[in-house]
């Protein structure tokens, strides 16, 4: 009987040792996998941070460009507004024109509030301005002005 008990104790301790070894092995495997996942996440985080830095740089450049465009637009509006304010009002010594005639001349010389760039380009061309002058006055690229004039040239010739 004692031999059987000793035999069972040895087998039991052997089974416990094997289970402990298998448990340690699985713990080590879990630790290894988590380490690999952590490395992957760190690499992913580093690349994301780099992309974020690039996006921030692009955003800063775009913000600078927008502010430059706004400053140019403000300068252009100020330069247009200054000559109008600088002109002294002349005192009329002749008889006043009828209000209908004054209104017609004002609408002829000034573009409507809601007119498009194409309308303004075509109106200025009808008034005899060169494409270069139109581009300069409207602060548009010369190629864009010429393109609009070419696009509307056949329809304006057939209407005339």
C-alpha atoms as a PDB file:
ATOM      1  CA  UNK A   1       0.000   0.000   0.000  1.00  0.00           C
ATOM      2  CA  UNK A   2       2.734   2.344   0.802  1.00  0.00           C
ATOM      3  CA  UNK A   3       4.253   1.697  -2.575  1.00  0.00           C
ATOM      4  CA  UNK A   4       0.985   2.638  -4.240  1.00  0.00           C
ATOM      5  CA  UNK A   5       0.745   5.851  -2.248  1.00  0.00           C
ATOM      6  CA  UNK A   6       4.325   6.728  -3.084  1.00  0.00           C
ATOM      7  CA  UNK A   7       3.643   5.975  -6.744  1.00  0.00           C
ATOM      8  CA  UNK A   8       0.531   8.192  -6.740  1.00  0.00           C
ATOM      9  CA  UNK A   9       2.392  11.005  -4.986  1.00  0.00           C
ATOM     10  CA  UNK A  10       5.130  10.918  -7.635  1.00  0.00           C
ATOM     11  CA  UNK A  11       2.593  10.931 -10.473  1.00  0.00           C
ATOM     12  CA  UNK A  12       0.649  13.733  -8.835  1.00  0.00           C
ATOM     13  CA  UNK A  13       3.774  15.854  -8.353  1.00  0.00           C
ATOM     14  CA  UNK A  14       4.782  15.124 -11.972  1.00  0.00           C
ATOM     15  CA  UNK A  15       1.335  16.231 -13.249  1.00  0.00           C
ATOM     16  CA  UNK A  16       1.505  19.369 -11.095  1.00  0.00           C
ATOM     17  CA  UNK A  17       4.998  20.158 -12.437  1.00  0.00           C
ATOM     18  CA  UNK A  18       3.832  19.702 -16.040  1.00  0.00           C
ATOM     19  CA  UNK A  19       0.777  21.927 -15.441  1.00  0.00           C
ATOM     20  CA  UNK A  20       3.000  24.597 -13.864  1.00  0.00           C
ATOM     21  CA  UNK A  21       5.435  24.423 -16.785  1.00  0.00           C
ATOM     22  CA  UNK A  22       2.553  24.720 -19.283  1.00  0.00           C
ATOM     23  CA  UNK A  23       1.101  27.636 -17.270  1.00  0.00           C
ATOM     24  CA  UNK A  24       4.459  29.449 -17.223  1.00  0.00           C
ATOM     25  CA  UNK A  25       4.806  28.827 -20.958  1.00  0.00           C
ATOM     26  CA  UNK A  26       1.380  30.372 -21.683  1.00  0.00           C
ATOM     27  CA  UNK A  27       2.138  33.325 -19.403  1.00  0.00           C
ATOM     28  CA  UNK A  28       5.396  33.898 -21.273  1.00  0.00           C
ATOM     29  CA  UNK A  29       3.543  33.599 -24.628  1.00  0.00           C
ATOM     30  CA  UNK A  30       0.962  36.172 -23.501  1.00  0.00           C
ATOM     31  CA  UNK A  31       3.715  38.526 -22.339  1.00  0.00           C
ATOM     32  CA  UNK A  32       5.526  38.137 -25.684  1.00  0.00           C
ATOM     33  CA  UNK A  33       2.369  38.842 -27.710  1.00  0.00           C
ATOM     34  CA  UNK A  34       1.550  41.897 -25.616  1.00  0.00           C
ATOM     35  CA  UNK A  35       5.093  43.183 -26.122  1.00  0.00           C
ATOM     36  CA  UNK A  36       4.714  42.780 -29.906  1.00  0.00           C
ATOM     37  CA  UNK A  37       1.355  44.553 -29.842  1.00  0.00           C
ATOM     38  CA  UNK A  38       2.836  47.369 -27.792  1.00  0.00           C
ATOM     39  CA  UNK A  39       5.679  47.792 -30.316  1.00  0.00           C
ATOM     40  CA  UNK A  40       3.167  47.866 -33.180  1.00  0.00           C
ATOM     41  CA  UNK A  41       1.027  50.450 -31.377  1.00  0.00           C
ATOM     42  CA  UNK A  42       4.078  52.611 -30.627  1.00  0.00           C
ATOM     43  CA  UNK A  43       5.078  52.523 -34.317  1.00  0.00           C
ATOM     44  CA  UNK A  44       1.532  53.366 -35.337  1.00  0.00           C
ATOM     45  CA  UNK A  45       1.439  56.204 -32.820  1.00  0.00           C
ATOM     46  CA  UNK A  46       4.757  57.574 -34.082  1.00  0.00           C
ATOM     47  CA  UNK A  47       3.577  57.554 -37.703  1.00  0.00           C
ATOM     48  CA  UNK A  48       0.292  59.178 -36.687  1.00  0.00           C
ATOM     49  CA  UNK A  49       2.174  61.876 -34.786  1.00  0.00           C
ATOM     50  CA  UNK A  50       4.325  62.503 -37.867  1.00  0.00           C
ATOM     51  CA  UNK A  51       1.212  62.786 -40.054  1.00  0.00           C
ATOM     52  CA  UNK A  52      -0.313  65.156 -37.534  1.00  0.00           C
ATOM     53  CA  UNK A  53       2.815  67.334 -37.630  1.00  0.00           C
ATOM     54  CA  UNK A  54       2.648  67.436 -41.440  1.00  0.00           C
ATOM     55  CA  UNK A  55      -1.041  68.330 -41.331  1.00  0.00           C
ATOM     56  CA  UNK A  56      -0.317  71.081 -38.816  1.00  0.00           C
ATOM     57  CA  UNK A  57       2.378  72.499 -41.107  1.00  0.00           C
ATOM     58  CA  UNK A  58      -0.008  72.434 -44.065  1.00  0.00           C
ATOM     59  CA  UNK A  59      -2.687  74.104 -41.970  1.00  0.00           C
ATOM     60  CA  UNK A  60      -0.259  76.831 -40.885  1.00  0.00           C
ATOM     61  CA  UNK A  61       0.760  77.441 -44.508  1.00  0.00           C
ATOM     62  CA  UNK A  62      -2.873  77.615 -45.596  1.00  0.00           C
ATOM     63  CA  UNK A  63      -3.650  80.032 -42.766  1.00  0.00           C
ATOM     64  CA  UNK A  64      -0.752  82.253 -43.818  1.00  0.00           C
ATOM     65  CA  UNK A  65      -1.901  82.215 -47.433  1.00  0.00           C
ATOM     66  CA  UNK A  66      -5.459  83.056 -46.422  1.00  0.00           C
ATOM     67  CA  UNK A  67      -4.276  85.976 -44.293  1.00  0.00           C
ATOM     68  CA  UNK A  68      -2.096  87.228 -47.178  1.00  0.00           C
ATOM     69  CA  UNK A  69      -5.048  87.065 -49.550  1.00  0.00           C
ATOM     70  CA  UNK A  70      -7.228  88.880 -47.024  1.00  0.00           C
ATOM     71  CA  UNK A  71      -4.587  91.595 -46.598  1.00  0.00           C
ATOM     72  CA  UNK A  72      -4.304  92.025 -50.375  1.00  0.00           C
ATOM     73  CA  UNK A  73      -8.082  92.232 -50.657  1.00  0.00           C
ATOM     74  CA  UNK A  74      -8.235  94.817 -47.870  1.00  0.00           C
ATOM     75  CA  UNK A  75      -5.467  96.835 -49.535  1.00  0.00           C
ATOM     76  CA  UNK A  76      -7.264  96.625 -52.865  1.00  0.00           C
ATOM     77  CA  UNK A  77     -10.530  97.757 -51.290  1.00  0.00           C
ATOM     78  CA  UNK A  78      -8.768 100.574 -49.451  1.00  0.00           C
ATOM     79  CA  UNK A  79      -7.038 101.716 -52.631  1.00  0.00           C
ATOM     80  CA  UNK A  80     -10.390 101.723 -54.429  1.00  0.00           C
ATOM     81  CA  UNK A  81     -12.067 103.562 -51.555  1.00  0.00           C
ATOM     82  CA  UNK A  82      -9.368 106.252 -51.136  1.00  0.00           C
ATOM     83  CA  UNK A  83      -9.790 107.981 -54.524  1.00  0.00           C
ATOM     84  CA  UNK A  84     -13.550 108.121 -54.028  1.00  0.00           C
ATOM     85  CA  UNK A  85     -13.139 109.716 -50.610  1.00  0.00           C
ATOM     86  CA  UNK A  86     -10.363 112.035 -51.763  1.00  0.00           C
ATOM     87  CA  UNK A  87     -12.447 113.640 -54.528  1.00  0.00           C
ATOM     88  CA  UNK A  88     -14.013 116.866 -53.340  1.00  0.00           C
ATOM     89  CA  UNK A  89     -17.647 117.335 -54.154  1.00  0.00           C
ATOM     90  CA  UNK A  90     -18.199 119.783 -56.912  1.00  0.00           C
ATOM     91  CA  UNK A  91     -20.937 122.315 -56.504  1.00  0.00           C
ATOM     92  CA  UNK A  92     -23.426 122.067 -59.321  1.00  0.00           C
ATOM     93  CA  UNK A  93     -23.833 125.318 -61.188  1.00  0.00           C
ATOM     94  CA  UNK A  94     -25.836 123.909 -64.063  1.00  0.00           C
ATOM     95  CA  UNK A  95     -29.403 122.876 -63.858  1.00  0.00           C
ATOM     96  CA  UNK A  96     -29.873 119.446 -62.279  1.00  0.00           C
ATOM     97  CA  UNK A  97     -30.538 116.487 -64.531  1.00  0.00           C
ATOM     98  CA  UNK A  98     -33.717 114.513 -64.118  1.00  0.00           C
ATOM     99  CA  UNK A  99     -33.327 111.749 -61.529  1.00  0.00           C
ATOM    100  CA  UNK A 100     -34.132 109.018 -64.068  1.00  0.00           C
ATOM    101  CA  UNK A 101     -31.192 110.024 -66.263  1.00  0.00           C
ATOM    102  CA  UNK A 102     -28.796 110.147 -63.274  1.00  0.00           C
ATOM    103  CA  UNK A 103     -29.918 106.680 -62.209  1.00  0.00           C
ATOM    104  CA  UNK A 104     -29.370 105.265 -65.701  1.00  0.00           C
ATOM    105  CA  UNK A 105     -25.830 106.667 -65.858  1.00  0.00           C
ATOM    106  CA  UNK A 106     -25.003 105.354 -62.393  1.00  0.00           C
ATOM    107  CA  UNK A 107     -26.159 101.854 -63.259  1.00  0.00           C
ATOM    108  CA  UNK A 108     -24.253 102.012 -66.549  1.00  0.00           C
ATOM    109  CA  UNK A 109     -20.913 102.881 -64.908  1.00  0.00           C
ATOM    110  CA  UNK A 110     -21.089 100.733 -61.784  1.00  0.00           C
ATOM    111  CA  UNK A 111     -21.520  96.974 -61.832  1.00  0.00           C
ATOM    112  CA  UNK A 112     -24.609  95.619 -60.136  1.00  0.00           C
ATOM    113  CA  UNK A 113     -24.250  94.356 -56.605  1.00  0.00           C
ATOM    114  CA  UNK A 114     -24.863  90.717 -57.561  1.00  0.00           C
ATOM    115  CA  UNK A 115     -23.040  90.666 -60.909  1.00  0.00           C
ATOM    116  CA  UNK A 116     -20.641  87.851 -61.616  1.00  0.00           C
ATOM    117  CA  UNK A 117     -17.036  88.217 -62.703  1.00  0.00           C
ATOM    118  CA  UNK A 118     -17.935  87.200 -66.234  1.00  0.00           C
ATOM    119  CA  UNK A 119     -20.571  89.933 -66.431  1.00  0.00           C
ATOM    120  CA  UNK A 120     -18.119  92.528 -65.161  1.00  0.00           C
ATOM    121  CA  UNK A 121     -15.426  91.377 -67.617  1.00  0.00           C
ATOM    122  CA  UNK A 122     -17.837  91.553 -70.562  1.00  0.00           C
ATOM    123  CA  UNK A 123     -19.146  94.972 -69.528  1.00  0.00           C
ATOM    124  CA  UNK A 124     -15.623  96.370 -69.214  1.00  0.00           C
ATOM    125  CA  UNK A 125     -14.697  94.910 -72.612  1.00  0.00           C
ATOM    126  CA  UNK A 126     -17.760  96.604 -74.174  1.00  0.00           C
ATOM    127  CA  UNK A 127     -16.565  99.867 -72.647  1.00  0.00           C
ATOM    128  CA  UNK A 128     -13.313  99.413 -74.603  1.00  0.00           C
ATOM    129  CA  UNK A 129     -10.894  98.278 -71.924  1.00  0.00           C
ATOM    130  CA  UNK A 130      -8.065  95.894 -72.820  1.00  0.00           C
ATOM    131  CA  UNK A 131      -7.893  92.435 -71.237  1.00  0.00           C
ATOM    132  CA  UNK A 132      -4.779  93.517 -69.305  1.00  0.00           C
ATOM    133  CA  UNK A 133      -6.597  96.516 -67.817  1.00  0.00           C
ATOM    134  CA  UNK A 134      -9.598  94.366 -66.945  1.00  0.00           C
ATOM    135  CA  UNK A 135      -7.391  91.801 -65.218  1.00  0.00           C
ATOM    136  CA  UNK A 136      -5.626  94.563 -63.297  1.00  0.00           C
ATOM    137  CA  UNK A 137      -8.837  96.317 -62.191  1.00  0.00           C
ATOM    138  CA  UNK A 138     -10.609  93.113 -61.125  1.00  0.00           C
ATOM    139  CA  UNK A 139      -7.440  91.595 -59.634  1.00  0.00           C
ATOM    140  CA  UNK A 140      -7.804  88.461 -61.756  1.00  0.00           C
ATOM    141  CA  UNK A 141      -5.256  86.460 -63.735  1.00  0.00           C
ATOM    142  CA  UNK A 142      -4.955  87.638 -67.347  1.00  0.00           C
ATOM    143  CA  UNK A 143      -5.512  84.093 -68.609  1.00  0.00           C
ATOM    144  CA  UNK A 144      -8.848  83.930 -66.786  1.00  0.00           C
ATOM    145  CA  UNK A 145     -10.001  87.220 -68.332  1.00  0.00           C
ATOM    146  CA  UNK A 146      -8.992  86.071 -71.821  1.00  0.00           C
ATOM    147  CA  UNK A 147     -10.760  82.750 -71.293  1.00  0.00           C
ATOM    148  CA  UNK A 148     -14.005  84.461 -70.290  1.00  0.00           C
ATOM    149  CA  UNK A 149     -13.758  86.772 -73.313  1.00  0.00           C
ATOM    150  CA  UNK A 150     -13.194  83.794 -75.618  1.00  0.00           C
ATOM    151  CA  UNK A 151     -16.067  81.857 -74.044  1.00  0.00           C
ATOM    152  CA  UNK A 152     -18.550  84.672 -74.540  1.00  0.00           C
ATOM    153  CA  UNK A 153     -17.169  86.052 -77.807  1.00  0.00           C
ATOM    154  CA  UNK A 154     -19.407  83.962 -80.153  1.00  0.00           C
ATOM    155  CA  UNK A 155     -22.600  84.632 -78.176  1.00  0.00           C
ATOM    156  CA  UNK A 156     -21.923  88.372 -77.911  1.00  0.00           C
ATOM    157  CA  UNK A 157     -21.134  88.638 -81.673  1.00  0.00           C
ATOM    158  CA  UNK A 158     -24.284  86.807 -82.685  1.00  0.00           C
ATOM    159  CA  UNK A 159     -26.409  88.966 -80.403  1.00  0.00           C
ATOM    160  CA  UNK A 160     -25.015  92.187 -81.874  1.00  0.00           C
END
